[in-house]
N, C-alpha and C. Protein backbone atom coordinates (compact mmCIF):
# COMPACT_ATOMS: atom_id res chain seq x y z
N MET A 1 0.83 -1.19 0.00
CA MET A 1 0.00 0.00 0.00
C MET A 1 0.87 1.26 0.00
N ALA A 2 1.97 1.22 0.77
CA ALA A 2 2.87 2.37 0.84
C ALA A 2 3.51 2.64 -0.52
N GLU A 3 3.84 1.56 -1.25
CA GLU A 3 4.46 1.72 -2.56
C GLU A 3 3.50 2.37 -3.55
N VAL A 4 2.25 1.96 -3.50
CA VAL A 4 1.23 2.52 -4.38
C VAL A 4 1.05 4.01 -4.07
N ALA A 5 0.97 4.34 -2.79
CA ALA A 5 0.83 5.73 -2.39
C ALA A 5 2.00 6.57 -2.89
N GLN A 6 3.20 6.02 -2.79
CA GLN A 6 4.39 6.74 -3.23
C GLN A 6 4.38 6.93 -4.75
N VAL A 7 4.04 5.89 -5.48
CA VAL A 7 4.01 5.97 -6.95
C VAL A 7 3.01 7.02 -7.42
N LEU A 8 1.85 7.07 -6.75
CA LEU A 8 0.79 7.99 -7.16
C LEU A 8 0.92 9.38 -6.53
N GLY A 9 1.74 9.48 -5.50
CA GLY A 9 1.88 10.77 -4.82
C GLY A 9 0.66 11.13 -3.99
N ILE A 10 0.04 10.10 -3.40
CA ILE A 10 -1.12 10.29 -2.53
C ILE A 10 -0.87 9.54 -1.23
N SER A 11 -1.72 9.73 -0.25
CA SER A 11 -1.54 9.08 1.04
C SER A 11 -2.08 7.65 1.02
N GLN A 12 -1.66 6.85 1.99
CA GLN A 12 -2.15 5.48 2.10
C GLN A 12 -3.67 5.44 2.36
N PRO A 13 -4.21 6.31 3.22
CA PRO A 13 -5.67 6.32 3.37
C PRO A 13 -6.39 6.65 2.06
N THR A 14 -5.77 7.49 1.24
CA THR A 14 -6.36 7.82 -0.06
C THR A 14 -6.33 6.60 -0.97
N VAL A 15 -5.26 5.84 -0.93
CA VAL A 15 -5.18 4.60 -1.71
C VAL A 15 -6.31 3.67 -1.30
N ARG A 16 -6.50 3.50 0.00
CA ARG A 16 -7.60 2.63 0.48
C ARG A 16 -8.96 3.14 0.00
N ALA A 17 -9.15 4.45 0.07
CA ALA A 17 -10.42 5.03 -0.38
C ALA A 17 -10.63 4.81 -1.87
N TRP A 18 -9.57 4.91 -2.64
CA TRP A 18 -9.69 4.71 -4.08
C TRP A 18 -9.93 3.25 -4.42
N ILE A 19 -9.40 2.35 -3.63
CA ILE A 19 -9.71 0.93 -3.81
C ILE A 19 -11.18 0.69 -3.52
N GLU A 20 -11.68 1.25 -2.42
CA GLU A 20 -13.10 1.09 -2.06
C GLU A 20 -14.01 1.71 -3.11
N ALA A 21 -13.56 2.81 -3.73
CA ALA A 21 -14.36 3.48 -4.76
C ALA A 21 -14.29 2.76 -6.10
N GLY A 22 -13.37 1.80 -6.22
CA GLY A 22 -13.26 1.04 -7.46
C GLY A 22 -12.33 1.64 -8.49
N VAL A 23 -11.64 2.72 -8.15
CA VAL A 23 -10.72 3.34 -9.09
C VAL A 23 -9.46 2.50 -9.22
N LEU A 24 -8.94 2.05 -8.08
CA LEU A 24 -7.81 1.11 -8.07
C LEU A 24 -8.36 -0.28 -7.84
N LYS A 25 -7.95 -1.21 -8.66
CA LYS A 25 -8.44 -2.58 -8.55
C LYS A 25 -7.48 -3.42 -7.70
N PRO A 26 -8.00 -4.05 -6.64
CA PRO A 26 -7.13 -4.91 -5.83
C PRO A 26 -6.89 -6.24 -6.55
N ARG A 27 -5.73 -6.84 -6.29
CA ARG A 27 -5.44 -8.16 -6.84
C ARG A 27 -6.25 -9.18 -6.06
N VAL A 28 -6.81 -10.11 -6.75
CA VAL A 28 -7.64 -11.14 -6.14
C VAL A 28 -6.79 -12.03 -5.24
N SER A 29 -7.30 -12.31 -4.07
CA SER A 29 -6.67 -13.21 -3.10
C SER A 29 -5.33 -12.74 -2.57
N ALA A 30 -5.02 -11.48 -2.68
CA ALA A 30 -3.75 -10.97 -2.15
C ALA A 30 -3.97 -10.53 -0.70
N ASN A 31 -3.08 -11.00 0.17
CA ASN A 31 -3.16 -10.61 1.57
C ASN A 31 -1.74 -10.36 2.05
N PRO A 32 -1.37 -9.13 2.35
CA PRO A 32 -2.18 -7.93 2.43
C PRO A 32 -2.63 -7.47 1.04
N VAL A 33 -3.52 -6.49 1.03
CA VAL A 33 -4.09 -6.00 -0.22
C VAL A 33 -2.99 -5.47 -1.13
N ARG A 34 -3.05 -5.91 -2.36
CA ARG A 34 -2.13 -5.44 -3.41
C ARG A 34 -2.98 -4.88 -4.54
N VAL A 35 -2.42 -3.91 -5.24
CA VAL A 35 -3.14 -3.27 -6.34
C VAL A 35 -2.69 -3.86 -7.66
N ASP A 36 -3.64 -4.13 -8.54
CA ASP A 36 -3.36 -4.64 -9.88
C ASP A 36 -2.50 -3.63 -10.63
N VAL A 37 -1.44 -4.12 -11.26
CA VAL A 37 -0.48 -3.23 -11.90
C VAL A 37 -1.08 -2.46 -13.08
N LEU A 38 -1.99 -3.06 -13.84
CA LEU A 38 -2.63 -2.35 -14.95
C LEU A 38 -3.53 -1.23 -14.43
N SER A 39 -4.23 -1.50 -13.33
CA SER A 39 -5.05 -0.48 -12.70
C SER A 39 -4.18 0.68 -12.21
N LEU A 40 -3.07 0.33 -11.57
CA LEU A 40 -2.14 1.34 -11.07
C LEU A 40 -1.61 2.20 -12.22
N ALA A 41 -1.25 1.56 -13.32
CA ALA A 41 -0.70 2.30 -14.47
C ALA A 41 -1.75 3.26 -15.05
N ALA A 42 -2.98 2.80 -15.17
CA ALA A 42 -4.05 3.65 -15.72
C ALA A 42 -4.30 4.86 -14.82
N VAL A 43 -4.34 4.62 -13.52
CA VAL A 43 -4.59 5.71 -12.57
C VAL A 43 -3.40 6.67 -12.57
N LYS A 44 -2.20 6.14 -12.65
CA LYS A 44 -1.00 6.99 -12.67
C LYS A 44 -1.01 7.90 -13.89
N ARG A 45 -1.35 7.36 -15.06
CA ARG A 45 -1.42 8.19 -16.27
C ARG A 45 -2.49 9.28 -16.13
N ALA A 46 -3.64 8.91 -15.57
CA ALA A 46 -4.71 9.90 -15.38
C ALA A 46 -4.27 11.00 -14.42
N LEU A 47 -3.63 10.61 -13.33
CA LEU A 47 -3.15 11.60 -12.36
C LEU A 47 -2.11 12.53 -12.98
N GLU A 48 -1.19 11.96 -13.75
CA GLU A 48 -0.17 12.79 -14.40
C GLU A 48 -0.81 13.81 -15.33
N LEU A 49 -1.80 13.38 -16.09
CA LEU A 49 -2.51 14.28 -17.00
C LEU A 49 -3.18 15.40 -16.22
N LEU A 50 -3.88 15.05 -15.15
CA LEU A 50 -4.58 16.05 -14.35
C LEU A 50 -3.60 17.04 -13.72
N ARG A 51 -2.53 16.52 -13.15
CA ARG A 51 -1.55 17.40 -12.51
C ARG A 51 -0.82 18.27 -13.52
N GLU A 52 -0.60 17.73 -14.72
CA GLU A 52 0.04 18.49 -15.79
C GLU A 52 -0.78 19.73 -16.13
N HIS A 53 -2.10 19.61 -15.97
CA HIS A 53 -3.00 20.73 -16.27
C HIS A 53 -3.37 21.52 -15.02
N GLY A 54 -2.62 21.31 -13.94
CA GLY A 54 -2.82 22.09 -12.72
C GLY A 54 -3.99 21.66 -11.87
N HIS A 55 -4.53 20.51 -12.13
CA HIS A 55 -5.68 20.01 -11.36
C HIS A 55 -5.16 19.19 -10.19
N ASP A 56 -5.43 19.67 -8.97
CA ASP A 56 -4.94 18.94 -7.81
C ASP A 56 -5.96 18.87 -6.68
N ARG A 57 -7.22 19.11 -7.00
CA ARG A 57 -8.29 19.03 -6.00
C ARG A 57 -9.34 18.02 -6.48
N ASN A 58 -9.99 17.40 -5.53
CA ASN A 58 -11.03 16.40 -5.85
C ASN A 58 -10.50 15.40 -6.88
N LEU A 59 -9.32 14.89 -6.60
CA LEU A 59 -8.66 14.00 -7.57
C LEU A 59 -9.43 12.71 -7.81
N LEU A 60 -10.08 12.18 -6.80
CA LEU A 60 -10.81 10.92 -6.99
C LEU A 60 -11.84 11.08 -8.10
N ILE A 61 -12.64 12.11 -8.01
CA ILE A 61 -13.69 12.33 -9.01
C ILE A 61 -13.08 12.62 -10.37
N ALA A 62 -12.01 13.42 -10.39
CA ALA A 62 -11.37 13.75 -11.65
C ALA A 62 -10.76 12.51 -12.30
N VAL A 63 -10.11 11.67 -11.51
CA VAL A 63 -9.52 10.44 -12.05
C VAL A 63 -10.63 9.53 -12.56
N MET A 64 -11.72 9.42 -11.83
CA MET A 64 -12.85 8.58 -12.27
C MET A 64 -13.36 9.07 -13.62
N ARG A 65 -13.46 10.37 -13.80
CA ARG A 65 -13.94 10.92 -15.07
C ARG A 65 -12.97 10.63 -16.21
N VAL A 66 -11.68 10.80 -15.95
CA VAL A 66 -10.68 10.53 -16.99
C VAL A 66 -10.76 9.06 -17.41
N LEU A 67 -10.81 8.16 -16.42
CA LEU A 67 -10.87 6.73 -16.74
C LEU A 67 -12.16 6.38 -17.48
N ARG A 68 -13.27 6.99 -17.07
CA ARG A 68 -14.56 6.75 -17.75
C ARG A 68 -14.48 7.23 -19.20
N ASP A 69 -13.93 8.43 -19.39
CA ASP A 69 -13.84 8.97 -20.75
C ASP A 69 -12.94 8.12 -21.63
N ARG A 70 -11.84 7.64 -21.07
CA ARG A 70 -10.95 6.77 -21.84
C ARG A 70 -11.65 5.48 -22.22
N ALA A 71 -12.45 4.95 -21.32
CA ALA A 71 -13.19 3.72 -21.61
C ALA A 71 -14.20 3.96 -22.73
N VAL A 72 -14.86 5.10 -22.70
CA VAL A 72 -15.83 5.43 -23.75
C VAL A 72 -15.11 5.58 -25.09
N LEU A 73 -13.99 6.27 -25.09
CA LEU A 73 -13.26 6.47 -26.34
C LEU A 73 -12.72 5.17 -26.91
N ALA A 74 -12.48 4.19 -26.05
CA ALA A 74 -11.99 2.90 -26.52
C ALA A 74 -13.15 1.98 -26.94
N GLY A 75 -14.38 2.45 -26.75
CA GLY A 75 -15.56 1.63 -27.03
C GLY A 75 -15.76 1.35 -28.51
N GLU A 76 -16.61 0.40 -28.74
CA GLU A 76 -16.90 -0.05 -30.10
C GLU A 76 -17.54 1.07 -30.91
N GLY A 77 -17.04 1.28 -32.10
CA GLY A 77 -17.62 2.26 -33.01
C GLY A 77 -17.05 3.66 -32.89
N VAL A 78 -16.43 3.97 -31.78
CA VAL A 78 -15.92 5.34 -31.58
C VAL A 78 -14.78 5.63 -32.55
N ARG A 79 -13.83 4.73 -32.66
CA ARG A 79 -12.69 4.93 -33.57
C ARG A 79 -13.19 5.11 -34.99
N GLU A 80 -14.17 4.29 -35.40
CA GLU A 80 -14.70 4.40 -36.75
C GLU A 80 -15.36 5.76 -36.96
N GLY A 81 -16.01 6.26 -35.92
CA GLY A 81 -16.63 7.58 -36.02
C GLY A 81 -15.59 8.67 -36.22
N PHE A 82 -14.49 8.60 -35.48
CA PHE A 82 -13.42 9.57 -35.66
C PHE A 82 -12.79 9.43 -37.05
N ASP A 83 -12.66 8.20 -37.52
CA ASP A 83 -12.11 7.97 -38.86
C ASP A 83 -13.02 8.60 -39.92
N ASP A 84 -14.34 8.49 -39.73
CA ASP A 84 -15.28 9.11 -40.66
C ASP A 84 -15.12 10.63 -40.68
N VAL A 85 -14.98 11.22 -39.51
CA VAL A 85 -14.79 12.67 -39.42
C VAL A 85 -13.50 13.07 -40.11
N THR A 86 -12.43 12.35 -39.84
CA THR A 86 -11.13 12.66 -40.44
C THR A 86 -11.20 12.56 -41.96
N ALA A 87 -11.93 11.57 -42.46
CA ALA A 87 -12.04 11.36 -43.91
C ALA A 87 -13.06 12.29 -44.55
N GLY A 88 -13.76 13.07 -43.74
CA GLY A 88 -14.75 14.00 -44.30
C GLY A 88 -16.09 13.38 -44.58
N ARG A 89 -16.31 12.17 -44.06
CA ARG A 89 -17.61 11.51 -44.25
C ARG A 89 -18.55 12.01 -43.15
N LEU A 90 -19.19 13.14 -43.42
CA LEU A 90 -20.05 13.77 -42.43
C LEU A 90 -21.46 13.96 -42.96
N VAL A 91 -22.40 13.95 -42.07
CA VAL A 91 -23.78 14.26 -42.40
C VAL A 91 -24.15 15.44 -41.51
N PRO A 92 -24.60 16.53 -42.11
CA PRO A 92 -24.98 17.68 -41.29
C PRO A 92 -26.05 17.29 -40.27
N LEU A 93 -25.89 17.75 -39.06
CA LEU A 93 -26.84 17.42 -37.99
C LEU A 93 -28.25 17.86 -38.35
N SER A 94 -28.39 18.96 -39.07
CA SER A 94 -29.73 19.43 -39.46
C SER A 94 -30.43 18.39 -40.32
N ASP A 95 -29.68 17.69 -41.20
CA ASP A 95 -30.29 16.64 -42.03
C ASP A 95 -30.80 15.50 -41.17
N VAL A 96 -30.02 15.11 -40.18
CA VAL A 96 -30.42 14.02 -39.29
C VAL A 96 -31.64 14.42 -38.49
N LEU A 97 -31.65 15.63 -37.96
CA LEU A 97 -32.79 16.10 -37.18
C LEU A 97 -34.05 16.20 -38.03
N ASP A 98 -33.90 16.66 -39.27
CA ASP A 98 -35.05 16.73 -40.18
C ASP A 98 -35.61 15.33 -40.44
N GLU A 99 -34.72 14.36 -40.64
CA GLU A 99 -35.15 12.98 -40.89
C GLU A 99 -35.88 12.41 -39.68
N ILE A 100 -35.36 12.69 -38.50
CA ILE A 100 -36.00 12.21 -37.26
C ILE A 100 -37.38 12.84 -37.11
N ALA A 101 -37.48 14.14 -37.36
CA ALA A 101 -38.76 14.84 -37.23
C ALA A 101 -39.77 14.31 -38.22
N THR A 102 -39.34 14.07 -39.46
CA THR A 102 -40.24 13.54 -40.49
C THR A 102 -40.73 12.16 -40.09
N THR A 103 -39.83 11.30 -39.64
CA THR A 103 -40.20 9.95 -39.22
C THR A 103 -41.17 10.00 -38.05
N SER A 104 -40.92 10.91 -37.12
CA SER A 104 -41.79 11.04 -35.95
C SER A 104 -43.19 11.49 -36.36
N ARG A 105 -43.29 12.46 -37.26
CA ARG A 105 -44.61 12.93 -37.74
C ARG A 105 -45.35 11.82 -38.46
N GLU A 106 -44.64 11.06 -39.29
CA GLU A 106 -45.29 9.96 -40.02
C GLU A 106 -45.78 8.88 -39.07
N THR A 107 -45.00 8.59 -38.04
CA THR A 107 -45.40 7.59 -37.06
C THR A 107 -46.66 8.05 -36.32
N LYS A 108 -46.72 9.31 -35.95
CA LYS A 108 -47.89 9.85 -35.23
C LYS A 108 -49.13 9.81 -36.13
N ARG A 109 -48.96 10.14 -37.42
CA ARG A 109 -50.10 10.11 -38.35
C ARG A 109 -50.64 8.70 -38.53
N SER A 110 -49.73 7.73 -38.64
CA SER A 110 -50.18 6.36 -38.86
C SER A 110 -50.85 5.79 -37.62
N LYS A 111 -50.46 6.23 -36.44
CA LYS A 111 -51.10 5.77 -35.21
C LYS A 111 -52.48 6.38 -35.03
N SER A 112 -52.65 7.63 -35.49
CA SER A 112 -53.93 8.31 -35.31
C SER A 112 -54.95 7.92 -36.38
N SER A 113 -54.50 7.27 -37.45
CA SER A 113 -55.42 6.86 -38.53
C SER A 113 -56.23 5.68 -38.18
């Protein structure tokens, strides 16, 4: 626990709190509690990013947000979406909204008939 605190630059009670919050993942069946190295690396990168930008308050919530956002960006379809934008394959939002509105009006008309 002391090593994790030192690596992250936080206190041991903070490490315990982050384990309880699920930000740091404990290794299964480790006694005393040990932190999974991949979890530690992800949290360390998030902390470095936050501190690089001068963010040093409410770190638990900020780290949780960074990790959540990274998970979303790694999700299925996201990379393809960015690739579409980069390649210029775009559909104006107004066209999509018009299509949704038209479909919605047609659905309401068919239900009321």
